[in-house]
Amino acid sequence: MDRFKETADFILKHKRVILAAHEKPDGDAIGSIVALTIFLNEAGLKADCLLPDEMPDSCLPFVKIPYRKSLSLEELNSYDCFISVDCSSKKRLALGNGLSFDDIKIPFVNIDHHIDNNLGGVHSLIVADAAASASVVYSIARAAGWNCSVETATLLYLGLAADTGTFRFDNTSPDALRIAADLREAGADLHAVVEKMYFSRKLSMLKFEGEIVSSSLFTACNGRFAWIRLTEELMTKHSIELRNTENLIDLPRSLDGVSAAAMLRAQNGGFKVSLRSKDPKVSVGSVARKLDGGGHEMAAGGFIKASTFEEAEAILIAHIQEILN
């Protein structure tokens, strides 16, 4: 049987399901989880979407269904099934309210496209060559014969556009483009997605980016590695919320001659590191895995335990220099 149909059939054996994604959700996590919630409710299940973290401004207009921001432990395990979407790591699963992966005592379904997914589950569908989890959810819906409305098509288009950089990144496969075409035929609102992602910037964000470029952008490795520092002081100065900072890594990535880019932010006694590669031969995923993280080969993240930016950057440069060589 088709593996996407198998996943749909397994989920449909349950009456009440709860869905969650990774912490600090991006467009793919939000588009995928909300679309799947709608599909399942339309299929006759009682499906609830759990999104405890604040969403980026670019995604908010597309979430038109009620969703849970928190659950008690008792509520969590009162469902028949838990579905994780677009989350590869147990520690990144966003449950809120102090809950963790180990608190889940009900059947666990794992839907994702990250090759290093370690969640397991009684039913797991990991499609590592999919451009986005939105592609996986679309394939499940198509295999199950679920109707793709304008709302669900737009949500899945949002997810696909977010993870492919609106079809600019190397993960833009022929299958991703075919799915995008199907979603457009189903009525996906390309104009709304592109408008919110690229043409609805606040002046404060533009000034913030300008100051980052002028004061907090650095290069090493003969210009092949570039990174930015994301500081609380600068965010406060320009009234920028963390949920709206994911795409700032495009600033160093856009530099000519750069092969790898990073964004560093102080967090919990160290530094959260986001990594991107512009060269398929340069695996930032391998660096992330050495830094207690993971992700894709060209888009990943990790954590460096250090007391200063300078100390963290020295560690990161050594790892980057190794893969560049």
Protein backbone atom coordinates (compact mmCIF):
# COMPACT_ATOMS: atom_id res chain seq x y z
CA MET A 1 0.00 0.00 0.00
CA ASP A 2 1.10 3.60 -0.67
CA ARG A 3 2.92 4.89 2.43
CA PHE A 4 0.96 8.15 2.38
CA LYS A 5 -2.33 6.24 2.30
CA GLU A 6 -1.06 4.03 5.14
CA THR A 7 -0.45 7.14 7.25
CA ALA A 8 -3.90 8.54 6.51
CA ASP A 9 -5.55 5.19 7.29
CA PHE A 10 -3.66 4.88 10.59
CA ILE A 11 -4.67 8.35 11.73
CA LEU A 12 -8.30 7.80 10.73
CA LYS A 13 -8.52 4.84 13.13
CA HIS A 14 -8.65 7.38 15.95
CA LYS A 15 -11.48 9.72 16.96
CA ARG A 16 -9.70 12.53 18.81
CA VAL A 17 -6.21 13.66 17.82
CA ILE A 18 -3.89 16.46 18.88
CA LEU A 19 -1.26 17.90 16.52
CA ALA A 20 1.93 19.79 17.39
CA ALA A 21 5.05 21.05 15.59
CA HIS A 22 8.47 22.36 16.55
CA GLU A 23 9.14 25.29 18.85
CA LYS A 24 9.26 28.77 17.29
CA PRO A 25 7.24 27.56 14.29
CA ASP A 26 8.06 28.76 10.79
CA GLY A 27 5.90 28.88 7.67
CA ASP A 28 6.29 25.18 6.92
CA ALA A 29 5.43 24.05 10.44
CA ILE A 30 2.41 26.36 10.61
CA GLY A 31 1.12 25.72 7.11
CA SER A 32 1.52 21.94 7.46
CA ILE A 33 -0.01 21.51 10.91
CA VAL A 34 -2.97 23.82 10.33
CA ALA A 35 -3.75 22.30 6.92
CA LEU A 36 -3.58 18.75 8.34
CA THR A 37 -5.85 19.77 11.24
CA ILE A 38 -8.43 21.04 8.75
CA PHE A 39 -8.17 17.90 6.60
CA LEU A 40 -8.72 15.64 9.61
CA ASN A 41 -11.69 17.61 10.93
CA GLU A 42 -13.27 17.50 7.48
CA ALA A 43 -12.66 13.73 7.45
CA GLY A 44 -14.78 13.36 10.59
CA LEU A 45 -12.17 13.37 13.37
CA LYS A 46 -12.01 15.76 16.28
CA ALA A 47 -8.59 17.27 15.61
CA ASP A 48 -7.00 20.04 17.68
CA CYS A 49 -3.92 22.06 16.77
CA LEU A 50 -1.44 22.96 19.53
CA LEU A 51 0.65 26.07 18.89
CA PRO A 52 2.05 27.36 22.21
CA ASP A 53 4.69 29.68 20.72
CA GLU A 54 3.98 33.00 19.03
CA MET A 55 3.87 32.87 15.23
CA PRO A 56 5.70 35.16 12.79
CA ASP A 57 3.64 38.09 11.53
CA SER A 58 3.95 36.70 7.99
CA CYS A 59 2.00 33.56 8.97
CA LEU A 60 -0.71 34.96 11.23
CA PRO A 61 -3.22 35.91 8.49
CA PHE A 62 -3.35 32.31 7.23
CA VAL A 63 -4.32 30.69 10.54
CA LYS A 64 -8.09 31.08 10.55
CA ILE A 65 -9.05 28.11 12.73
CA PRO A 66 -9.16 27.99 16.55
CA TYR A 67 -6.04 26.44 18.06
CA ARG A 68 -4.80 25.54 21.53
CA LYS A 69 -2.00 27.53 23.14
CA SER A 70 -1.65 25.19 26.10
CA LEU A 71 -2.74 21.81 27.44
CA SER A 72 -2.55 20.17 30.85
CA LEU A 73 -0.90 16.77 31.13
CA GLU A 74 -4.32 15.21 31.68
CA GLU A 75 -5.75 16.93 28.60
CA LEU A 76 -2.77 15.89 26.47
CA ASN A 77 -3.25 12.20 27.21
CA SER A 78 -7.04 12.31 26.92
CA TYR A 79 -6.66 12.24 23.13
CA ASP A 80 -6.53 8.99 21.18
CA CYS A 81 -3.46 9.94 19.17
CA PHE A 82 -0.66 12.52 19.06
CA ILE A 83 0.62 13.73 15.68
CA SER A 84 3.94 15.54 15.34
CA VAL A 85 4.44 17.55 12.14
CA ASP A 86 7.74 19.03 10.91
CA CYS A 87 9.67 18.35 14.12
CA SER A 88 12.82 16.22 14.09
CA SER A 89 13.97 16.47 17.69
CA LYS A 90 12.34 15.50 20.99
CA LYS A 91 13.71 18.58 22.71
CA ARG A 92 12.22 20.88 20.04
CA LEU A 93 8.68 19.53 20.18
CA ALA A 94 6.46 22.46 21.21
CA LEU A 95 4.02 21.31 23.89
CA GLY A 96 4.09 24.33 26.18
CA ASN A 97 3.02 24.41 29.83
CA GLY A 98 6.25 22.69 30.93
CA LEU A 99 5.35 19.48 29.09
CA SER A 100 7.94 17.39 27.25
CA PHE A 101 8.07 14.50 24.80
CA ASP A 102 8.27 11.96 27.63
CA ASP A 103 4.87 13.13 28.93
CA ILE A 104 3.12 11.74 25.85
CA LYS A 105 1.52 8.39 26.74
CA ILE A 106 -0.77 7.97 23.72
CA PRO A 107 0.00 6.55 20.23
CA PHE A 108 2.48 8.85 18.48
CA VAL A 109 2.48 9.59 14.73
CA ASN A 110 5.60 11.21 13.29
CA ILE A 111 5.28 13.18 10.02
CA ASP A 112 8.37 15.05 8.83
CA HIS A 113 10.95 15.69 6.11
CA HIS A 114 14.12 16.04 8.21
CA ILE A 115 16.63 13.27 7.55
CA ASP A 116 17.88 13.29 11.16
CA ASN A 117 14.44 12.87 12.75
CA ASN A 118 14.76 10.91 16.01
CA LEU A 119 11.21 11.00 17.34
CA GLY A 120 10.26 7.44 16.43
CA GLY A 121 6.56 6.77 16.91
CA VAL A 122 4.13 3.91 16.51
CA HIS A 123 3.70 5.19 12.96
CA SER A 124 6.41 7.23 11.24
CA LEU A 125 6.43 8.91 7.84
CA ILE A 126 9.77 10.64 7.20
CA VAL A 127 10.22 11.78 3.60
CA ALA A 128 13.78 13.08 3.59
CA ASP A 129 13.75 14.10 -0.07
CA ALA A 130 10.60 16.21 0.32
CA ALA A 131 11.22 19.94 0.05
CA ALA A 132 8.93 20.66 2.99
CA SER A 133 6.60 18.95 5.41
CA ALA A 134 3.84 20.72 3.48
CA SER A 135 4.73 18.43 0.55
CA VAL A 136 4.30 15.38 2.80
CA VAL A 137 0.94 16.57 4.12
CA TYR A 138 -0.23 17.28 0.57
CA SER A 139 0.76 13.76 -0.49
CA ILE A 140 -1.14 12.28 2.45
CA ALA A 141 -4.23 14.30 1.54
CA ARG A 142 -4.02 13.32 -2.12
CA ALA A 143 -3.55 9.61 -1.29
CA ALA A 144 -6.53 9.74 1.08
CA GLY A 145 -8.73 11.52 -1.44
CA TRP A 146 -9.30 14.54 0.80
CA ASN A 147 -10.51 17.72 -0.88
CA CYS A 148 -7.93 20.50 -1.08
CA SER A 149 -9.84 23.73 -0.51
CA VAL A 150 -8.55 27.23 -1.18
CA GLU A 151 -7.71 27.52 2.53
CA THR A 152 -5.73 24.29 2.79
CA ALA A 153 -4.06 24.87 -0.60
CA THR A 154 -2.90 28.31 0.56
CA LEU A 155 -1.58 26.93 3.86
CA LEU A 156 0.39 24.20 2.09
CA TYR A 157 1.67 26.70 -0.48
CA LEU A 158 2.84 28.87 2.43
CA GLY A 159 4.76 25.92 3.89
CA LEU A 160 6.31 24.97 0.57
CA ALA A 161 7.26 28.55 -0.25
CA ALA A 162 8.79 29.07 3.20
CA ASP A 163 11.08 26.05 3.08
CA THR A 164 12.18 26.53 -0.54
CA GLY A 165 12.70 30.27 -0.23
CA THR A 166 9.83 30.66 -2.68
CA PHE A 167 11.50 28.11 -4.97
CA ARG A 168 14.96 29.70 -4.88
CA PHE A 169 16.79 27.13 -2.74
CA ASP A 170 18.45 23.92 -3.90
CA ASN A 171 15.72 21.75 -2.32
CA THR A 172 13.30 22.98 -5.01
CA SER A 173 12.82 19.61 -6.68
CA PRO A 174 10.65 18.81 -9.71
CA ASP A 175 8.19 17.23 -7.27
CA ALA A 176 8.04 20.45 -5.23
CA LEU A 177 7.23 22.43 -8.36
CA ARG A 178 4.58 19.91 -9.40
CA ILE A 179 2.95 20.14 -5.97
CA ALA A 180 3.09 23.94 -6.14
CA ALA A 181 1.32 23.80 -9.50
CA ASP A 182 -1.36 21.48 -8.06
CA LEU A 183 -1.88 23.85 -5.12
CA ARG A 184 -2.21 26.83 -7.44
CA GLU A 185 -4.78 24.95 -9.49
CA ALA A 186 -6.65 24.26 -6.24
CA GLY A 187 -6.77 28.00 -5.62
CA ALA A 188 -3.75 28.68 -3.41
CA ASP A 189 -3.49 32.43 -2.91
CA LEU A 190 0.04 33.08 -4.21
CA HIS A 191 -0.46 36.84 -4.02
CA ALA A 192 -1.33 36.76 -0.30
CA VAL A 193 1.58 34.45 0.55
CA VAL A 194 4.17 36.49 -1.34
CA GLU A 195 2.74 39.78 -0.08
CA LYS A 196 3.03 38.73 3.57
CA MET A 197 6.42 37.05 3.17
CA TYR A 198 8.21 39.75 1.19
CA PHE A 199 6.20 42.96 0.79
CA SER A 200 4.76 43.70 4.24
CA ARG A 201 7.92 44.74 6.06
CA LYS A 202 7.74 47.24 8.92
CA LEU A 203 10.02 50.25 8.83
CA SER A 204 11.44 49.21 12.19
CA MET A 205 12.56 45.89 10.67
CA LEU A 206 14.29 47.60 7.74
CA LYS A 207 16.17 49.91 10.12
CA PHE A 208 17.02 46.91 12.31
CA GLU A 209 18.46 45.02 9.35
CA GLY A 210 20.43 48.08 8.29
CA GLU A 211 22.05 48.37 11.71
CA ILE A 212 22.84 44.65 11.76
CA VAL A 213 24.62 44.96 8.42
CA SER A 214 26.55 48.03 9.52
CA SER A 215 27.55 46.87 13.01
CA SER A 216 26.92 43.16 13.53
CA LEU A 217 27.87 41.35 10.32
CA PHE A 218 31.24 39.61 10.17
CA THR A 219 33.22 37.45 7.74
CA ALA A 220 36.00 34.87 7.97
CA CYS A 221 37.61 32.10 5.95
CA ASN A 222 38.60 34.50 3.16
CA GLY A 223 35.05 35.75 2.83
CA ARG A 224 33.51 32.30 2.41
CA PHE A 225 31.84 32.40 5.82
CA ALA A 226 29.64 35.26 7.03
CA TRP A 227 27.52 35.62 10.15
CA ILE A 228 25.49 38.07 12.17
CA ARG A 229 25.01 38.62 15.87
CA LEU A 230 21.42 38.95 17.05
CA THR A 231 21.52 40.84 20.34
CA GLU A 232 18.76 41.67 22.83
CA GLU A 233 19.97 45.27 22.89
CA LEU A 234 19.48 45.75 19.16
CA MET A 235 16.14 43.96 19.16
CA THR A 236 14.89 46.12 22.01
CA LYS A 237 16.13 49.29 20.34
CA HIS A 238 14.07 48.57 17.22
CA SER A 239 11.14 46.81 18.97
CA ILE A 240 11.76 43.54 17.13
CA GLU A 241 10.25 40.30 18.42
CA LEU A 242 12.20 37.06 18.21
CA ARG A 243 9.39 35.34 16.28
CA ASN A 244 10.05 37.65 13.33
CA THR A 245 13.81 37.10 13.04
CA GLU A 246 14.16 33.73 11.28
CA ASN A 247 14.86 35.20 7.85
CA LEU A 248 17.61 37.54 9.05
CA ILE A 249 20.12 34.84 8.17
CA ASP A 250 19.49 35.78 4.54
CA LEU A 251 21.56 38.93 5.17
CA PRO A 252 24.93 37.15 5.46
CA ARG A 253 23.84 34.41 3.06
CA SER A 254 23.21 36.97 0.31
CA LEU A 255 26.84 38.16 0.28
CA ASP A 256 28.74 37.39 -2.91
CA GLY A 257 31.43 34.75 -2.40
CA VAL A 258 29.88 33.32 0.77
CA SER A 259 29.51 29.54 0.97
CA ALA A 260 28.16 29.28 4.52
CA ALA A 261 26.23 31.72 6.71
CA ALA A 262 25.18 31.82 10.34
CA MET A 263 23.17 33.76 12.88
CA LEU A 264 24.10 33.66 16.58
CA ARG A 265 21.90 34.59 19.53
CA ALA A 266 22.59 34.30 23.27
CA GLN A 267 20.42 31.66 24.93
CA ASN A 268 20.56 29.61 28.15
CA GLY A 269 24.23 30.02 28.99
CA GLY A 270 25.44 29.79 25.42
CA PHE A 271 24.52 30.66 21.86
CA LYS A 272 21.82 29.37 19.54
CA VAL A 273 23.27 29.02 16.05
CA SER A 274 21.31 28.97 12.79
CA LEU A 275 23.27 27.78 9.75
CA ARG A 276 22.76 27.96 5.99
CA SER A 277 24.84 26.77 3.04
CA LYS A 278 24.93 28.17 -0.49
CA ASP A 279 26.98 25.26 -1.82
CA PRO A 280 25.63 21.67 -1.86
CA LYS A 281 29.19 20.49 -1.18
CA VAL A 282 29.29 22.47 2.08
CA SER A 283 27.28 20.58 4.70
CA VAL A 284 26.25 22.88 7.53
CA GLY A 285 24.14 19.96 8.71
CA SER A 286 27.33 18.13 9.67
CA VAL A 287 28.42 21.18 11.68
CA ALA A 288 25.05 21.39 13.42
CA ARG A 289 25.24 17.75 14.47
CA LYS A 290 28.60 18.44 16.12
CA LEU A 291 26.95 21.33 17.98
CA ASP A 292 24.17 19.30 19.62
CA GLY A 293 21.75 20.15 16.83
CA GLY A 294 20.67 18.98 13.42
CA GLY A 295 18.56 19.72 10.38
CA HIS A 296 19.13 19.51 6.66
CA GLU A 297 22.53 19.48 4.98
CA MET A 298 22.08 23.06 3.74
CA ALA A 299 19.88 24.45 6.54
CA ALA A 300 20.44 23.47 10.15
CA GLY A 301 20.93 24.71 13.69
CA GLY A 302 22.83 23.95 16.86
CA PHE A 303 24.01 25.27 20.22
CA ILE A 304 27.43 26.42 21.43
CA LYS A 305 28.12 26.59 25.13
CA ALA A 306 30.20 29.72 25.55
CA SER A 307 30.28 32.86 27.65
CA THR A 308 30.84 35.45 24.90
CA PHE A 309 30.05 35.94 21.23
CA GLU A 310 33.77 35.92 20.49
CA GLU A 311 34.29 32.57 22.16
CA ALA A 312 31.30 31.02 20.36
CA GLU A 313 32.39 32.46 17.03
CA ALA A 314 35.90 31.04 17.38
CA ILE A 315 34.42 27.57 17.91
CA LEU A 316 32.05 27.98 14.97
CA ILE A 317 34.75 29.30 12.61
CA ALA A 318 36.92 26.25 13.35
CA HIS A 319 34.05 23.93 12.36
CA ILE A 320 33.23 25.94 9.24
CA GLN A 321 36.87 26.08 8.18
CA GLU A 322 36.99 22.30 8.40
CA ILE A 323 34.06 21.76 6.02
CA LEU A 324 35.26 24.48 3.66
CA ASN A 325 38.59 22.69 3.34
